[in-house]
N, C-alpha and C. Protein backbone atom coordinates (compact mmCIF):
# COMPACT_ATOMS: atom_id res chain seq x y z
N MET A 1 -165.36 66.70 122.80
CA MET A 1 -165.67 65.80 124.08
C MET A 1 -163.62 66.23 124.66
N PHE A 2 -163.75 67.11 125.70
CA PHE A 2 -162.45 66.96 126.90
C PHE A 2 -161.81 65.43 127.18
N SER A 3 -160.90 64.90 127.27
CA SER A 3 -159.90 64.20 127.82
C SER A 3 -159.00 64.51 128.73
N LEU A 4 -159.11 63.53 129.28
CA LEU A 4 -157.94 63.55 130.93
C LEU A 4 -156.43 62.59 130.37
N GLY A 5 -155.41 63.32 130.64
CA GLY A 5 -154.11 62.66 130.21
C GLY A 5 -153.19 63.82 129.78
N ARG A 6 -152.28 63.23 129.25
CA ARG A 6 -151.48 63.93 128.62
C ARG A 6 -151.57 64.97 127.60
N ASP A 7 -152.99 63.86 126.27
CA ASP A 7 -152.97 65.46 125.53
C ASP A 7 -154.32 65.69 125.41
N GLY A 8 -155.07 65.30 126.34
CA GLY A 8 -156.17 66.38 127.06
C GLY A 8 -155.65 67.50 127.49
N MET A 9 -154.84 67.53 128.32
CA MET A 9 -153.66 69.03 128.96
C MET A 9 -153.17 69.61 127.61
N ARG A 10 -152.50 69.12 126.88
CA ARG A 10 -151.82 69.87 125.77
C ARG A 10 -153.31 70.74 124.79
N ASP A 11 -154.13 69.61 124.75
CA ASP A 11 -155.54 70.59 124.06
C ASP A 11 -155.92 71.69 124.72
N LEU A 12 -156.25 71.34 126.30
CA LEU A 12 -156.42 72.60 127.02
C LEU A 12 -155.85 73.69 126.97
N GLN A 13 -154.17 73.61 127.07
CA GLN A 13 -153.05 74.36 127.06
C GLN A 13 -153.49 75.25 125.37
N ALA A 14 -153.97 74.34 124.24
CA ALA A 14 -153.66 75.24 122.83
C ALA A 14 -154.74 75.98 123.34
N ARG A 15 -156.47 75.78 123.96
CA ARG A 15 -157.14 76.23 123.70
C ARG A 15 -156.70 77.78 124.58
N ALA A 16 -156.26 77.30 125.45
CA ALA A 16 -156.32 78.75 126.85
C ALA A 16 -155.40 79.81 125.39
N GLU A 17 -153.99 79.21 124.94
CA GLU A 17 -153.82 79.77 123.98
C GLU A 17 -154.00 80.73 122.89
N ASP A 18 -154.82 79.84 122.02
CA ASP A 18 -155.62 80.57 121.15
C ASP A 18 -156.62 81.37 121.86
N LEU A 19 -156.69 81.55 122.66
CA LEU A 19 -157.62 82.53 123.39
C LEU A 19 -157.19 83.52 123.41
N SER A 20 -156.12 83.55 124.41
CA SER A 20 -154.96 84.51 124.33
C SER A 20 -154.89 85.51 123.21
N ALA A 21 -154.21 84.14 122.49
CA ALA A 21 -153.97 85.38 121.19
C ALA A 21 -155.18 86.14 120.51
N ASP A 22 -156.43 85.61 120.32
CA ASP A 22 -157.40 85.86 119.85
C ASP A 22 -157.68 87.04 120.72
N LEU A 23 -157.67 87.37 122.14
CA LEU A 23 -157.53 88.10 122.89
C LEU A 23 -156.65 89.35 122.52
N ALA A 24 -155.44 88.97 122.41
CA ALA A 24 -154.35 90.01 121.84
C ALA A 24 -154.15 90.84 120.76
N SER A 25 -155.02 89.78 119.73
CA SER A 25 -155.30 90.73 118.45
C SER A 25 -156.35 91.18 117.87
N GLY A 26 -157.36 91.16 119.76
CA GLY A 26 -158.71 92.33 119.31
C GLY A 26 -159.66 91.12 118.64
N GLU A 27 -159.22 90.02 118.32
CA GLU A 27 -160.73 88.81 117.30
C GLU A 27 -161.52 88.74 118.38
N TRP A 28 -161.39 88.70 119.71
CA TRP A 28 -162.14 88.04 120.87
C TRP A 28 -162.14 88.81 122.26
N LYS A 29 -162.95 89.83 122.06
CA LYS A 29 -163.27 90.92 123.47
C LYS A 29 -163.96 90.14 124.56
N PRO A 30 -163.59 90.13 125.51
CA PRO A 30 -164.91 89.52 126.84
C PRO A 30 -166.06 90.37 126.73
N ASN A 31 -166.95 90.03 126.40
CA ASN A 31 -168.38 90.57 127.14
C ASN A 31 -168.47 91.11 128.40
N ARG A 32 -169.91 91.64 128.80
CA ARG A 32 -169.74 91.88 130.24
C ARG A 32 -169.83 90.84 131.35
N PHE A 33 -170.20 89.64 130.43
CA PHE A 33 -170.69 88.81 131.40
C PHE A 33 -169.10 87.84 131.79
N ASP A 34 -168.61 87.87 130.65
CA ASP A 34 -167.07 87.47 130.84
C ASP A 34 -166.42 88.01 132.15
N ARG A 35 -166.43 89.47 132.07
CA ARG A 35 -165.58 90.24 132.81
C ARG A 35 -165.92 89.53 133.93
N ARG A 36 -167.43 89.68 134.16
CA ARG A 36 -167.64 89.21 135.47
C ARG A 36 -166.72 88.12 136.13
N ALA A 37 -167.32 86.93 135.53
CA ALA A 37 -166.23 85.67 135.96
C ALA A 37 -164.99 85.87 135.69
N LEU A 38 -164.35 86.69 134.94
CA LEU A 38 -162.94 86.86 134.90
C LEU A 38 -162.43 87.75 136.03
N LEU A 39 -163.10 88.94 136.68
CA LEU A 39 -162.68 89.28 137.83
C LEU A 39 -163.06 88.64 138.80
N LYS A 40 -163.99 87.75 139.17
CA LYS A 40 -163.76 87.08 140.25
C LYS A 40 -162.31 85.88 140.03
N LEU A 41 -162.29 85.04 139.18
CA LEU A 41 -161.09 84.71 139.52
C LEU A 41 -159.59 84.94 139.17
N ALA A 42 -159.58 86.49 138.63
CA ALA A 42 -158.48 86.81 138.80
C ALA A 42 -158.03 87.76 140.25
N GLY A 43 -158.69 87.43 140.97
CA GLY A 43 -157.78 87.67 142.82
C GLY A 43 -157.48 85.88 143.03
N ALA A 44 -157.82 85.32 142.50
CA ALA A 44 -157.26 84.13 143.58
C ALA A 44 -155.90 83.96 143.15
N ASP A 45 -155.30 83.27 144.41
CA ASP A 45 -153.79 83.40 144.54
C ASP A 45 -153.66 81.52 144.37
N GLY A 46 -151.98 82.05 143.75
CA GLY A 46 -151.40 80.57 143.62
C GLY A 46 -151.22 80.71 141.71
N PRO A 47 -150.07 79.84 141.08
CA PRO A 47 -149.84 79.65 139.79
C PRO A 47 -151.19 79.12 138.95
N VAL A 48 -152.04 78.62 139.64
CA VAL A 48 -153.12 77.56 138.70
C VAL A 48 -154.30 78.29 139.71
N ILE A 49 -155.23 78.50 138.83
CA ILE A 49 -156.69 78.85 139.56
C ILE A 49 -157.48 77.19 139.74
N ASP A 50 -157.93 77.32 141.53
CA ASP A 50 -158.51 76.04 141.70
C ASP A 50 -159.46 75.79 141.38
N ARG A 51 -160.04 74.27 141.25
CA ARG A 51 -161.05 73.60 141.11
C ARG A 51 -162.29 74.48 141.68
N GLU A 52 -161.97 74.52 143.07
CA GLU A 52 -162.77 74.99 144.24
C GLU A 52 -162.98 76.52 143.52
N ALA A 53 -162.50 77.55 143.04
CA ALA A 53 -161.98 78.70 142.96
C ALA A 53 -162.95 78.83 141.62
N ILE A 54 -163.21 77.79 140.87
CA ILE A 54 -164.08 78.14 139.41
C ILE A 54 -165.26 77.72 139.82
N VAL A 55 -165.44 76.64 140.62
CA VAL A 55 -166.59 75.60 140.70
C VAL A 55 -167.84 77.12 141.70
N THR A 56 -167.13 77.90 142.48
CA THR A 56 -167.35 78.74 143.38
C THR A 56 -167.76 80.29 142.40
N MET A 57 -167.25 80.34 141.44
CA MET A 57 -167.20 81.68 140.87
C MET A 57 -168.82 81.16 139.81
N PHE A 58 -168.74 80.01 139.12
CA PHE A 58 -169.84 79.43 138.57
C PHE A 58 -171.06 79.90 139.42
N ASP A 59 -171.09 79.00 140.32
CA ASP A 59 -172.30 78.94 141.59
C ASP A 59 -172.42 80.92 142.14
N GLN A 60 -171.40 81.47 142.62
CA GLN A 60 -171.96 82.82 142.98
C GLN A 60 -172.44 83.53 141.82
N LEU A 61 -172.19 83.42 140.62
CA LEU A 61 -172.86 83.78 139.55
C LEU A 61 -173.99 83.20 139.01
N TYR A 62 -174.51 82.28 139.00
CA TYR A 62 -175.53 81.64 138.96
C TYR A 62 -176.59 82.24 140.01
N LYS A 63 -175.84 82.45 141.26
CA LYS A 63 -176.79 83.04 142.64
C LYS A 63 -177.24 84.23 142.31
N GLU A 64 -176.22 84.89 142.36
CA GLU A 64 -176.49 86.65 141.56
C GLU A 64 -177.20 86.95 140.53
N ARG A 65 -176.86 86.26 139.23
CA ARG A 65 -177.43 86.45 137.98
C ARG A 65 -178.45 85.52 137.38
N GLY A 66 -178.27 84.35 138.36
CA GLY A 66 -179.23 83.88 137.24
C GLY A 66 -178.87 83.04 135.64
N PRO A 67 -179.48 81.94 135.27
CA PRO A 67 -178.77 81.75 133.99
C PRO A 67 -178.90 82.44 133.04
N ARG A 68 -178.84 83.10 132.76
CA ARG A 68 -178.32 84.20 131.61
C ARG A 68 -177.29 84.93 131.79
N GLN A 69 -176.52 84.86 132.99
CA GLN A 69 -175.19 85.31 133.32
C GLN A 69 -174.63 83.85 132.61
N LEU A 70 -174.70 83.13 132.83
CA LEU A 70 -173.94 81.60 132.25
C LEU A 70 -174.09 81.49 130.79
N ASN A 71 -175.49 81.70 130.64
CA ASN A 71 -176.13 81.88 128.69
C ASN A 71 -175.36 82.65 127.98
N LYS A 72 -175.06 83.74 128.82
CA LYS A 72 -174.15 84.91 127.76
C LYS A 72 -173.02 84.74 127.97
N MET A 73 -172.15 83.81 128.79
CA MET A 73 -171.25 83.98 128.53
C MET A 73 -170.44 82.97 127.34
N THR A 74 -168.80 83.89 126.89
CA THR A 74 -168.25 83.19 125.65
C THR A 74 -168.40 81.83 125.87
N GLY A 75 -168.77 80.95 125.23
CA GLY A 75 -168.58 79.78 125.06
C GLY A 75 -167.39 79.40 124.97
N ARG A 76 -165.84 79.59 123.88
CA ARG A 76 -164.78 78.94 124.38
C ARG A 76 -164.24 79.39 125.89
N LEU A 77 -164.72 80.48 126.57
CA LEU A 77 -164.08 80.68 127.89
C LEU A 77 -164.84 79.84 128.24
N THR A 78 -166.33 79.54 128.85
CA THR A 78 -167.03 78.95 129.46
C THR A 78 -166.49 77.33 129.37
N THR A 79 -166.51 76.83 128.66
CA THR A 79 -166.16 75.38 128.03
C THR A 79 -164.37 75.13 128.59
N LEU A 80 -163.51 76.08 128.67
CA LEU A 80 -162.17 76.35 128.91
C LEU A 80 -162.26 76.16 130.40
N LEU A 81 -162.90 77.26 131.26
CA LEU A 81 -162.95 76.81 132.33
C LEU A 81 -163.41 75.55 133.05
N MET A 82 -164.44 75.05 132.76
CA MET A 82 -165.26 74.51 132.90
C MET A 82 -164.06 72.49 133.06
N ASN A 83 -163.46 72.74 131.93
CA ASN A 83 -162.38 71.84 131.59
C ASN A 83 -161.19 71.85 132.30
N THR A 84 -160.71 73.16 132.66
CA THR A 84 -160.06 73.34 133.55
C THR A 84 -160.44 72.65 134.83
N ALA A 85 -161.53 72.95 135.61
CA ALA A 85 -161.61 72.23 136.91
C ALA A 85 -161.89 70.84 136.98
N ALA A 86 -162.61 70.28 136.04
CA ALA A 86 -162.42 69.26 135.42
C ALA A 86 -161.38 68.75 135.40
N ALA A 87 -160.11 68.92 135.01
CA ALA A 87 -159.07 68.15 134.81
C ALA A 87 -157.97 68.79 136.06
N GLN A 88 -158.30 69.24 137.16
CA GLN A 88 -157.90 69.03 138.73
C GLN A 88 -158.96 68.22 139.21
N ASP A 89 -159.80 67.28 138.21
CA ASP A 89 -160.24 66.09 139.58
C ASP A 89 -159.89 65.04 139.88
N LEU A 90 -158.87 64.91 139.21
CA LEU A 90 -157.86 63.93 139.09
C LEU A 90 -155.90 64.67 139.43
N PRO A 91 -156.06 64.54 140.53
CA PRO A 91 -154.66 65.03 140.84
C PRO A 91 -153.16 64.76 140.34
N SER A 92 -153.35 63.59 139.76
CA SER A 92 -152.46 62.54 139.43
C SER A 92 -152.13 63.65 137.83
N ILE A 93 -152.71 63.68 137.13
CA ILE A 93 -153.36 64.05 135.70
C ILE A 93 -152.73 66.08 135.74
N ALA A 94 -153.44 66.51 136.76
CA ALA A 94 -153.19 67.75 136.99
C ALA A 94 -151.39 68.12 137.12
N ALA A 95 -150.76 66.86 138.20
CA ALA A 95 -149.49 67.37 138.73
C ALA A 95 -148.46 67.40 137.37
N LEU A 96 -149.18 66.37 136.18
CA LEU A 96 -148.12 66.35 135.04
C LEU A 96 -147.79 67.51 134.62
N PRO A 97 -146.26 67.34 133.80
CA PRO A 97 -145.66 69.05 133.15
C PRO A 97 -146.58 69.67 132.87
N GLU A 98 -147.30 68.21 131.91
CA GLU A 98 -148.32 68.84 130.33
C GLU A 98 -149.78 69.69 131.55
N GLY A 99 -150.19 69.07 132.70
CA GLY A 99 -150.96 69.81 133.11
C GLY A 99 -150.59 71.04 134.14
N GLN A 100 -149.51 71.02 134.43
CA GLN A 100 -149.43 72.30 134.79
C GLN A 100 -149.22 73.49 134.22
N GLU A 101 -148.56 73.15 133.30
CA GLU A 101 -148.23 73.99 131.72
C GLU A 101 -149.93 74.27 131.20
N ALA A 102 -150.86 73.52 131.11
CA ALA A 102 -152.04 73.67 130.44
C ALA A 102 -153.09 74.79 131.93
N LEU A 103 -152.65 74.75 133.18
CA LEU A 103 -153.04 75.57 134.01
C LEU A 103 -152.81 76.79 134.18
N SER A 104 -151.57 76.69 133.67
CA SER A 104 -150.91 77.71 133.87
C SER A 104 -151.26 78.81 132.73
N ALA A 105 -151.56 78.21 131.90
CA ALA A 105 -151.80 78.62 130.16
C ALA A 105 -153.19 79.63 130.60
N VAL A 106 -153.59 78.68 131.39
CA VAL A 106 -155.55 79.29 131.65
C VAL A 106 -155.06 80.36 132.57
N ARG A 107 -154.27 80.47 133.50
CA ARG A 107 -154.39 81.50 134.51
C ARG A 107 -153.86 82.69 133.90
N SER A 108 -152.73 82.36 132.77
CA SER A 108 -152.52 83.58 132.36
C SER A 108 -153.68 84.11 131.46
N LEU A 109 -154.43 83.44 131.26
CA LEU A 109 -155.15 84.15 130.14
C LEU A 109 -156.28 84.66 130.86
N VAL A 110 -156.77 84.27 132.12
CA VAL A 110 -157.39 84.83 132.81
C VAL A 110 -157.59 86.40 133.65
N ARG A 111 -155.56 86.46 133.53
CA ARG A 111 -154.76 87.44 134.25
C ARG A 111 -155.10 88.46 133.23
N SER A 112 -154.92 88.22 132.23
CA SER A 112 -154.48 89.15 131.02
C SER A 112 -156.07 89.77 130.34
N ALA A 113 -157.08 88.64 130.70
CA ALA A 113 -158.35 89.08 129.96
C ALA A 113 -159.08 90.25 130.79
N ALA A 114 -158.82 90.14 132.62
CA ALA A 114 -159.70 90.56 133.39
C ALA A 114 -160.03 91.96 133.91
């Protein structure tokens, strides 16, 4: 379960870095369903991916492709993106140094995987 706070942000960062490492080593290759989501998010401006951009991306993919799109995405990526959006629900948590580092790690993953 995802928790908010300093520990939750450190966990979010670690999961983003683990997925990035798996991408770099070839252990994880985004499938076509992942790529659709990543391409929609890669164009977002700023140092972090805004909550609204993530929610909009999931909504658009569902409307365009239906539930199959979301069901076929890699679970680790889907969970990471949903947790990233949830972390931004409380601006005081997202503004912590740990929060900014975690959100930046997710942004880095999206850019490199897209």
